[in-house]
C-alpha atoms as a PDB file:
ATOM      1  CA  UNK A   1      77.629  80.486  94.144  1.00  0.00           C
ATOM      2  CA  UNK A   2      78.968  81.079  97.661  1.00  0.00           C
ATOM      3  CA  UNK A   3      78.073  83.970  99.990  1.00  0.00           C
ATOM      4  CA  UNK A   4      81.216  85.978  99.257  1.00  0.00           C
ATOM      5  CA  UNK A   5      80.628  85.808  95.499  1.00  0.00           C
ATOM      6  CA  UNK A   6      76.958  86.728  95.981  1.00  0.00           C
ATOM      7  CA  UNK A   7      77.874  89.761  98.090  1.00  0.00           C
ATOM      8  CA  UNK A   8      80.432  90.869  95.494  1.00  0.00           C
ATOM      9  CA  UNK A   9      77.702  90.587  92.858  1.00  0.00           C
ATOM     10  CA  UNK A  10      75.276  92.611  95.018  1.00  0.00           C
ATOM     11  CA  UNK A  11      77.874  95.353  95.605  1.00  0.00           C
ATOM     12  CA  UNK A  12      78.516  95.527  91.872  1.00  0.00           C
ATOM     13  CA  UNK A  13      74.787  95.922  91.268  1.00  0.00           C
ATOM     14  CA  UNK A  14      74.579  98.731  93.855  1.00  0.00           C
ATOM     15  CA  UNK A  15      77.417 100.482  92.051  1.00  0.00           C
ATOM     16  CA  UNK A  16      75.695  99.979  88.680  1.00  0.00           C
ATOM     17  CA  UNK A  17      72.644 101.720  90.168  1.00  0.00           C
ATOM     18  CA  UNK A  18      74.805 104.683  91.162  1.00  0.00           C
ATOM     19  CA  UNK A  19      73.464 104.507  94.719  1.00  0.00           C
ATOM     20  CA  UNK A  20      75.455 105.668  97.698  1.00  0.00           C
ATOM     21  CA  UNK A  21      75.905 102.923 100.249  1.00  0.00           C
ATOM     22  CA  UNK A  22      77.987 102.087 103.293  1.00  0.00           C
ATOM     23  CA  UNK A  23      79.818  98.775 103.418  1.00  0.00           C
ATOM     24  CA  UNK A  24      80.592  97.104 106.725  1.00  0.00           C
ATOM     25  CA  UNK A  25      84.331  96.523 107.230  1.00  0.00           C
ATOM     26  CA  UNK A  26      83.851  92.740 106.958  1.00  0.00           C
ATOM     27  CA  UNK A  27      82.105  93.336 103.585  1.00  0.00           C
ATOM     28  CA  UNK A  28      79.152  91.153 104.599  1.00  0.00           C
ATOM     29  CA  UNK A  29      76.522  93.886 104.525  1.00  0.00           C
ATOM     30  CA  UNK A  30      75.866  97.054 102.540  1.00  0.00           C
ATOM     31  CA  UNK A  31      73.479  99.762 103.724  1.00  0.00           C
ATOM     32  CA  UNK A  32      71.537 102.009 101.343  1.00  0.00           C
ATOM     33  CA  UNK A  33      70.032 105.091 103.020  1.00  0.00           C
ATOM     34  CA  UNK A  34      66.692 106.445 101.874  1.00  0.00           C
ATOM     35  CA  UNK A  35      64.922 109.533 103.277  1.00  0.00           C
ATOM     36  CA  UNK A  36      63.734 108.016 106.587  1.00  0.00           C
ATOM     37  CA  UNK A  37      64.792 104.398 106.292  1.00  0.00           C
ATOM     38  CA  UNK A  38      67.696 102.223 105.276  1.00  0.00           C
ATOM     39  CA  UNK A  39      67.917  98.942 103.415  1.00  0.00           C
ATOM     40  CA  UNK A  40      70.498  96.431 104.558  1.00  0.00           C
ATOM     41  CA  UNK A  41      71.711  94.166 101.735  1.00  0.00           C
ATOM     42  CA  UNK A  42      73.392  90.934 102.815  1.00  0.00           C
ATOM     43  CA  UNK A  43      73.616  87.276 101.856  1.00  0.00           C
ATOM     44  CA  UNK A  44      72.602  84.119 103.651  1.00  0.00           C
ATOM     45  CA  UNK A  45      72.415  80.418 102.991  1.00  0.00           C
ATOM     46  CA  UNK A  46      68.953  78.862 102.926  1.00  0.00           C
ATOM     47  CA  UNK A  47      68.328  76.380 105.718  1.00  0.00           C
ATOM     48  CA  UNK A  48      66.648  73.785 103.513  1.00  0.00           C
ATOM     49  CA  UNK A  49      68.126  74.280 100.065  1.00  0.00           C
ATOM     50  CA  UNK A  50      71.678  75.373 100.936  1.00  0.00           C
ATOM     51  CA  UNK A  51      71.260  77.938  98.152  1.00  0.00           C
ATOM     52  CA  UNK A  52      72.607  81.463  98.653  1.00  0.00           C
ATOM     53  CA  UNK A  53      70.120  84.321  98.839  1.00  0.00           C
ATOM     54  CA  UNK A  54      70.590  88.081  98.643  1.00  0.00           C
ATOM     55  CA  UNK A  55      68.513  89.495 101.493  1.00  0.00           C
ATOM     56  CA  UNK A  56      67.073  93.018 101.657  1.00  0.00           C
ATOM     57  CA  UNK A  57      66.075  94.059 105.191  1.00  0.00           C
ATOM     58  CA  UNK A  58      64.484  97.418 105.950  1.00  0.00           C
ATOM     59  CA  UNK A  59      63.524  98.499 109.465  1.00  0.00           C
ATOM     60  CA  UNK A  60      60.212 100.356 109.149  1.00  0.00           C
ATOM     61  CA  UNK A  61      59.732 101.535 112.714  1.00  0.00           C
ATOM     62  CA  UNK A  62      61.840 101.255 115.845  1.00  0.00           C
ATOM     63  CA  UNK A  63      61.402 102.099 119.503  1.00  0.00           C
ATOM     64  CA  UNK A  64      57.635 101.817 119.764  1.00  0.00           C
ATOM     65  CA  UNK A  65      55.974 100.628 122.948  1.00  0.00           C
ATOM     66  CA  UNK A  66      54.345  97.227 122.594  1.00  0.00           C
ATOM     67  CA  UNK A  67      51.746  96.915 125.341  1.00  0.00           C
ATOM     68  CA  UNK A  68      48.866  94.585 126.153  1.00  0.00           C
ATOM     69  CA  UNK A  69      46.525  97.251 124.736  1.00  0.00           C
ATOM     70  CA  UNK A  70      48.157  97.615 121.306  1.00  0.00           C
ATOM     71  CA  UNK A  71      49.791  94.193 120.852  1.00  0.00           C
ATOM     72  CA  UNK A  72      46.885  92.576 118.970  1.00  0.00           C
ATOM     73  CA  UNK A  73      46.347  95.576 116.667  1.00  0.00           C
ATOM     74  CA  UNK A  74      50.100  95.795 115.913  1.00  0.00           C
ATOM     75  CA  UNK A  75      50.228  92.116 114.938  1.00  0.00           C
ATOM     76  CA  UNK A  76      47.066  92.554 112.849  1.00  0.00           C
ATOM     77  CA  UNK A  77      48.758  95.461 111.026  1.00  0.00           C
ATOM     78  CA  UNK A  78      51.782  93.259 110.273  1.00  0.00           C
ATOM     79  CA  UNK A  79      49.594  90.324 109.160  1.00  0.00           C
ATOM     80  CA  UNK A  80      47.575  92.586 106.869  1.00  0.00           C
ATOM     81  CA  UNK A  81      50.803  93.772 105.215  1.00  0.00           C
ATOM     82  CA  UNK A  82      51.974  90.155 104.825  1.00  0.00           C
ATOM     83  CA  UNK A  83      48.676  89.351 103.076  1.00  0.00           C
ATOM     84  CA  UNK A  84      48.860  92.432 100.864  1.00  0.00           C
ATOM     85  CA  UNK A  85      52.548  92.208  99.939  1.00  0.00           C
ATOM     86  CA  UNK A  86      52.977  88.460  99.508  1.00  0.00           C
ATOM     87  CA  UNK A  87      56.471  88.603  98.054  1.00  0.00           C
ATOM     88  CA  UNK A  88      58.107  89.989 101.201  1.00  0.00           C
ATOM     89  CA  UNK A  89      57.910  89.365 104.949  1.00  0.00           C
ATOM     90  CA  UNK A  90      56.884  91.864 107.571  1.00  0.00           C
ATOM     91  CA  UNK A  91      57.936  91.065 111.140  1.00  0.00           C
ATOM     92  CA  UNK A  92      57.116  92.638 114.464  1.00  0.00           C
ATOM     93  CA  UNK A  93      60.084  91.993 116.742  1.00  0.00           C
ATOM     94  CA  UNK A  94      59.648  92.703 120.452  1.00  0.00           C
ATOM     95  CA  UNK A  95      62.708  93.291 122.577  1.00  0.00           C
ATOM     96  CA  UNK A  96      63.063  91.182 125.695  1.00  0.00           C
ATOM     97  CA  UNK A  97      61.050  93.026 128.369  1.00  0.00           C
ATOM     98  CA  UNK A  98      62.427  93.780 131.794  1.00  0.00           C
ATOM     99  CA  UNK A  99      61.205  91.420 134.497  1.00  0.00           C
ATOM    100  CA  UNK A 100      57.742  92.506 135.613  1.00  0.00           C
ATOM    101  CA  UNK A 101      57.376  95.133 132.873  1.00  0.00           C
ATOM    102  CA  UNK A 102      53.941  95.608 131.313  1.00  0.00           C
ATOM    103  CA  UNK A 103      55.423  96.711 127.984  1.00  0.00           C
ATOM    104  CA  UNK A 104      58.554  96.452 125.887  1.00  0.00           C
ATOM    105  CA  UNK A 105      60.057  98.277 122.961  1.00  0.00           C
ATOM    106  CA  UNK A 106      59.671  96.655 119.571  1.00  0.00           C
ATOM    107  CA  UNK A 107      60.434  97.255 115.922  1.00  0.00           C
ATOM    108  CA  UNK A 108      58.843  96.366 112.601  1.00  0.00           C
ATOM    109  CA  UNK A 109      60.911  95.342 109.615  1.00  0.00           C
ATOM    110  CA  UNK A 110      60.351  94.064 106.116  1.00  0.00           C
ATOM    111  CA  UNK A 111      62.502  91.529 104.307  1.00  0.00           C
ATOM    112  CA  UNK A 112      62.782  90.318 100.751  1.00  0.00           C
ATOM    113  CA  UNK A 113      65.011  87.528  99.440  1.00  0.00           C
ATOM    114  CA  UNK A 114      66.271  86.799  95.957  1.00  0.00           C
ATOM    115  CA  UNK A 115      68.106  83.665  94.906  1.00  0.00           C
ATOM    116  CA  UNK A 116      71.679  84.707  94.113  1.00  0.00           C
ATOM    117  CA  UNK A 117      72.078  82.206  91.264  1.00  0.00           C
ATOM    118  CA  UNK A 118      71.223  83.918  87.964  1.00  0.00           C
ATOM    119  CA  UNK A 119      70.472  87.245  89.700  1.00  0.00           C
ATOM    120  CA  UNK A 120      69.839  89.988  87.154  1.00  0.00           C
ATOM    121  CA  UNK A 121      70.434  93.720  87.555  1.00  0.00           C
ATOM    122  CA  UNK A 122      66.809  94.593  86.720  1.00  0.00           C
ATOM    123  CA  UNK A 123      65.477  92.186  89.365  1.00  0.00           C
ATOM    124  CA  UNK A 124      67.930  93.474  91.987  1.00  0.00           C
ATOM    125  CA  UNK A 125      67.130  97.110  91.167  1.00  0.00           C
ATOM    126  CA  UNK A 126      63.383  96.536  91.238  1.00  0.00           C
ATOM    127  CA  UNK A 127      63.455  94.889  94.680  1.00  0.00           C
ATOM    128  CA  UNK A 128      65.868  97.422  96.160  1.00  0.00           C
ATOM    129  CA  UNK A 129      63.813 100.398  94.991  1.00  0.00           C
ATOM    130  CA  UNK A 130      60.465  98.770  95.793  1.00  0.00           C
ATOM    131  CA  UNK A 131      61.410  97.882  99.373  1.00  0.00           C
ATOM    132  CA  UNK A 132      62.877 101.349  99.981  1.00  0.00           C
ATOM    133  CA  UNK A 133      59.882 103.224  98.578  1.00  0.00           C
ATOM    134  CA  UNK A 134      57.399 100.951 100.356  1.00  0.00           C
ATOM    135  CA  UNK A 135      59.179 101.470 103.664  1.00  0.00           C
ATOM    136  CA  UNK A 136      59.094 105.246 103.181  1.00  0.00           C
ATOM    137  CA  UNK A 137      55.300 105.064 102.799  1.00  0.00           C
ATOM    138  CA  UNK A 138      54.457 102.492 105.476  1.00  0.00           C
ATOM    139  CA  UNK A 139      56.625 103.821 108.303  1.00  0.00           C
ATOM    140  CA  UNK A 140      54.447 106.932 108.586  1.00  0.00           C
ATOM    141  CA  UNK A 141      51.279 104.843 108.520  1.00  0.00           C
ATOM    142  CA  UNK A 142      52.488 102.633 111.376  1.00  0.00           C
ATOM    143  CA  UNK A 143      53.798 105.554 113.457  1.00  0.00           C
ATOM    144  CA  UNK A 144      50.458 107.369 113.113  1.00  0.00           C
ATOM    145  CA  UNK A 145      48.679 104.338 114.579  1.00  0.00           C
ATOM    146  CA  UNK A 146      51.193 103.060 117.135  1.00  0.00           C
ATOM    147  CA  UNK A 147      53.961 105.609 117.670  1.00  0.00           C
ATOM    148  CA  UNK A 148      57.653 104.874 117.435  1.00  0.00           C
ATOM    149  CA  UNK A 149      60.439 106.329 115.328  1.00  0.00           C
ATOM    150  CA  UNK A 150      61.621 105.955 111.794  1.00  0.00           C
ATOM    151  CA  UNK A 151      64.937 104.170 111.395  1.00  0.00           C
ATOM    152  CA  UNK A 152      66.606 107.511 110.654  1.00  0.00           C
ATOM    153  CA  UNK A 153      65.180 109.135 113.813  1.00  0.00           C
ATOM    154  CA  UNK A 154      66.355 106.202 115.901  1.00  0.00           C
ATOM    155  CA  UNK A 155      69.887 106.346 114.489  1.00  0.00           C
ATOM    156  CA  UNK A 156      70.060 110.121 115.014  1.00  0.00           C
ATOM    157  CA  UNK A 157      68.851 109.772 118.628  1.00  0.00           C
ATOM    158  CA  UNK A 158      71.542 107.163 119.363  1.00  0.00           C
ATOM    159  CA  UNK A 159      74.217 109.391 117.824  1.00  0.00           C
ATOM    160  CA  UNK A 160      73.150 112.340 120.009  1.00  0.00           C
ATOM    161  CA  UNK A 161      72.903 110.301 123.237  1.00  0.00           C
ATOM    162  CA  UNK A 162      75.657 111.073 125.732  1.00  0.00           C
ATOM    163  CA  UNK A 163      78.306 108.391 125.977  1.00  0.00           C
ATOM    164  CA  UNK A 164      79.145 106.980 129.436  1.00  0.00           C
ATOM    165  CA  UNK A 165      82.578 107.792 130.803  1.00  0.00           C
ATOM    166  CA  UNK A 166      85.220 105.111 130.436  1.00  0.00           C
ATOM    167  CA  UNK A 167      85.190 102.747 133.382  1.00  0.00           C
ATOM    168  CA  UNK A 168      81.563 103.432 134.387  1.00  0.00           C
ATOM    169  CA  UNK A 169      78.515 101.288 133.946  1.00  0.00           C
ATOM    170  CA  UNK A 170      75.656 102.963 132.117  1.00  0.00           C
ATOM    171  CA  UNK A 171      72.379 102.317 133.892  1.00  0.00           C
ATOM    172  CA  UNK A 172      69.109 101.961 132.058  1.00  0.00           C
ATOM    173  CA  UNK A 173      66.109 103.809 133.433  1.00  0.00           C
ATOM    174  CA  UNK A 174      62.640 102.944 132.210  1.00  0.00           C
ATOM    175  CA  UNK A 175      60.441 105.976 131.563  1.00  0.00           C
END
């Protein structure tokens, strides 16, 4: 099965679930919105096996400050979740810090992959609902300990941000 066929299969399964989703114009990713998070459904080819996988990626928390003081505890939180939920991956992804900065923004996401060959509706539905519900629970836990925003809050903040005028360069100011 190639990636295009796998994505067509995944879209059909989303429709069978009756879930509302947004499809990117290139049809390579569908986004299911939950209460505070979103799950991005896409396909990729495995690096070793050359098999096609359906990938579920859910950002748990965005825009939290990763500092020298909280870095170790944040990675411990992620590692504990990886130990507890062995079937998916949790990742803490720092943004590239500004030169000389003592902190950077970061986000936490969870990912789950299913082999596209012989993918069944029940398996797809279980993973999609499990990752969405788990994200809804864990985002609040992480934010209580480390700060940051839910995916929904981050998207809403970007939508409300003023747009720079055409022909100007928007400058970034660290707060």
